[in-house]
C-alpha cells in the first residue's frame, strides 16, 4: 500500500497539534501546513477539514540526496489529516513506497527508517 492510514477520535486541529509535537520530538520539522479547507474556501469552494503537513528530517534528507539527487522530487514527506464521514483520519504517504520508485537499493534503508519513525509518531497520538 502506498499509504499508512489510521482513524483517531481527535479533531483535525488537535491531531495536527499533537502530531507536530511528536514529530519535533523525533527531529522532524514541519516545513509547511496546507489547510485545504481555507484554500478552497478562499476560492469559493466548499470543502471539509483537510490539512497536509510537509515534514522533513534534514539528516535523513541529506543522506538520501547524497545517494540520489532525484529523491528531491519526493521530498518532503507528506502527512494528511482530514475528516471523512465524520471521522478524523491521519494518512502518511509511505516513504518506502516512494523510494521504491527510484529503484535504488541504497535509499531503501533510509526510507524504511524514516517511515518507522513517522508511523510511531502517528500511532503515539492516538
Protein backbone atom coordinates (compact mmCIF):
# COMPACT_ATOMS: atom_id res chain seq x y z
CA UNK A 1 0.00 0.00 0.00
CA UNK A 2 1.19 3.48 -0.76
CA UNK A 3 -0.27 4.86 2.46
CA UNK A 4 -0.46 4.20 6.17
CA UNK A 5 -3.84 5.48 7.39
CA UNK A 6 -5.37 5.38 10.85
CA UNK A 7 -8.51 6.76 12.45
CA UNK A 8 -8.46 8.88 15.61
CA UNK A 9 -11.06 10.36 17.94
CA UNK A 10 -9.19 13.69 17.91
CA UNK A 11 -10.36 16.64 15.86
CA UNK A 12 -8.27 17.54 12.83
CA UNK A 13 -6.85 20.56 14.66
CA UNK A 14 -5.97 18.58 17.80
CA UNK A 15 -4.43 15.78 15.74
CA UNK A 16 -2.28 18.26 13.81
CA UNK A 17 -1.12 19.95 17.02
CA UNK A 18 -0.23 16.67 18.74
CA UNK A 19 1.43 15.37 15.61
CA UNK A 20 3.62 18.48 15.36
CA UNK A 21 4.82 17.89 18.93
CA UNK A 22 5.60 14.21 18.32
CA UNK A 23 7.38 14.97 15.06
CA UNK A 24 9.56 17.58 16.76
CA UNK A 25 10.45 15.04 19.47
CA UNK A 26 11.76 12.85 16.63
CA UNK A 27 13.76 15.65 14.95
CA UNK A 28 11.29 16.20 12.13
CA UNK A 29 10.45 19.75 11.15
CA UNK A 30 7.01 20.68 9.90
CA UNK A 31 8.04 22.79 6.95
CA UNK A 32 4.54 23.84 5.99
CA UNK A 33 0.91 23.05 6.68
CA UNK A 34 -1.51 23.33 3.78
CA UNK A 35 -5.05 23.93 5.05
CA UNK A 36 -7.12 22.85 2.06
CA UNK A 37 -10.40 23.94 3.63
CA UNK A 38 -9.10 27.52 3.95
CA UNK A 39 -7.52 27.48 0.50
CA UNK A 40 -10.67 26.18 -1.17
CA UNK A 41 -12.96 28.49 0.83
CA UNK A 42 -10.94 31.50 -0.37
CA UNK A 43 -11.80 30.36 -3.93
CA UNK A 44 -15.49 29.96 -3.16
CA UNK A 45 -15.30 26.17 -3.00
CA UNK A 46 -16.82 24.28 -0.08
CA UNK A 47 -14.57 21.60 1.37
CA UNK A 48 -14.23 19.71 4.66
CA UNK A 49 -11.39 19.74 7.17
CA UNK A 50 -8.17 18.70 5.43
CA UNK A 51 -4.61 19.64 6.32
CA UNK A 52 -1.41 18.41 4.70
CA UNK A 53 1.81 18.56 6.70
CA UNK A 54 5.09 18.69 4.79
CA UNK A 55 7.65 17.19 7.15
CA UNK A 56 11.39 16.68 6.93
CA UNK A 57 14.33 15.40 8.94
CA UNK A 58 17.32 17.21 7.46
CA UNK A 59 19.78 14.44 8.42
CA UNK A 60 17.83 11.74 6.59
CA UNK A 61 17.07 14.02 3.63
CA UNK A 62 20.77 14.82 3.21
CA UNK A 63 21.73 11.13 3.41
CA UNK A 64 19.20 10.25 0.71
CA UNK A 65 20.13 13.16 -1.55
CA UNK A 66 23.81 12.29 -1.26
CA UNK A 67 22.91 8.89 -2.75
CA UNK A 68 20.45 10.05 -5.40
CA UNK A 69 19.57 13.67 -6.16
CA UNK A 70 16.38 12.58 -7.91
CA UNK A 71 14.97 11.80 -4.47
CA UNK A 72 14.42 15.54 -4.06
CA UNK A 73 11.37 15.09 -6.27
CA UNK A 74 9.80 13.02 -3.49
CA UNK A 75 10.69 15.33 -0.60
CA UNK A 76 9.40 16.39 1.85
CA UNK A 77 7.30 13.61 3.38
CA UNK A 78 3.55 14.26 3.46
CA UNK A 79 1.07 13.51 6.21
CA UNK A 80 -2.60 14.31 5.63
CA UNK A 81 -5.08 14.89 8.47
CA UNK A 82 -8.71 15.09 7.41
CA UNK A 83 -12.30 14.20 8.16
CA UNK A 84 -14.12 11.55 6.19
CA UNK A 85 -17.70 10.61 7.01
CA UNK A 86 -17.40 12.34 10.38
CA UNK A 87 -14.18 10.55 11.36
CA UNK A 88 -10.71 12.08 11.63
CA UNK A 89 -8.04 10.23 9.71
CA UNK A 90 -4.28 10.56 9.55
CA UNK A 91 -2.62 9.30 6.39
CA UNK A 92 1.09 9.01 5.66
CA UNK A 93 2.41 8.71 2.15
CA UNK A 94 4.81 5.79 2.77
CA UNK A 95 8.45 6.81 2.13
CA UNK A 96 9.35 3.19 1.34
CA UNK A 97 6.85 3.07 -1.50
CA UNK A 98 8.03 6.38 -2.93
CA UNK A 99 11.71 5.48 -2.64
CA UNK A 100 10.95 2.20 -4.40
CA UNK A 101 10.02 4.20 -7.48
CA UNK A 102 13.69 5.15 -7.86
CA UNK A 103 14.82 1.52 -7.77
CA UNK A 104 17.91 2.47 -5.76
CA UNK A 105 18.70 -0.09 -3.06
CA UNK A 106 20.92 2.37 -1.17
CA UNK A 107 17.95 4.65 -0.46
CA UNK A 108 15.67 1.88 0.82
CA UNK A 109 17.14 1.64 4.37
CA UNK A 110 16.82 5.38 4.85
CA UNK A 111 13.22 5.36 3.65
CA UNK A 112 12.45 2.42 5.94
CA UNK A 113 13.93 4.21 8.95
CA UNK A 114 12.01 7.42 8.17
CA UNK A 115 8.77 5.51 7.71
CA UNK A 116 9.17 3.64 11.01
CA UNK A 117 9.71 6.92 12.89
CA UNK A 118 6.74 8.62 11.23
CA UNK A 119 4.40 5.67 11.83
CA UNK A 120 5.41 5.59 15.51
CA UNK A 121 4.78 9.34 15.80
CA UNK A 122 1.34 8.95 14.24
CA UNK A 123 0.46 5.95 16.41
CA UNK A 124 1.61 7.74 19.57
CA UNK A 125 -1.07 10.42 19.35
CA UNK A 126 -3.98 8.00 19.38
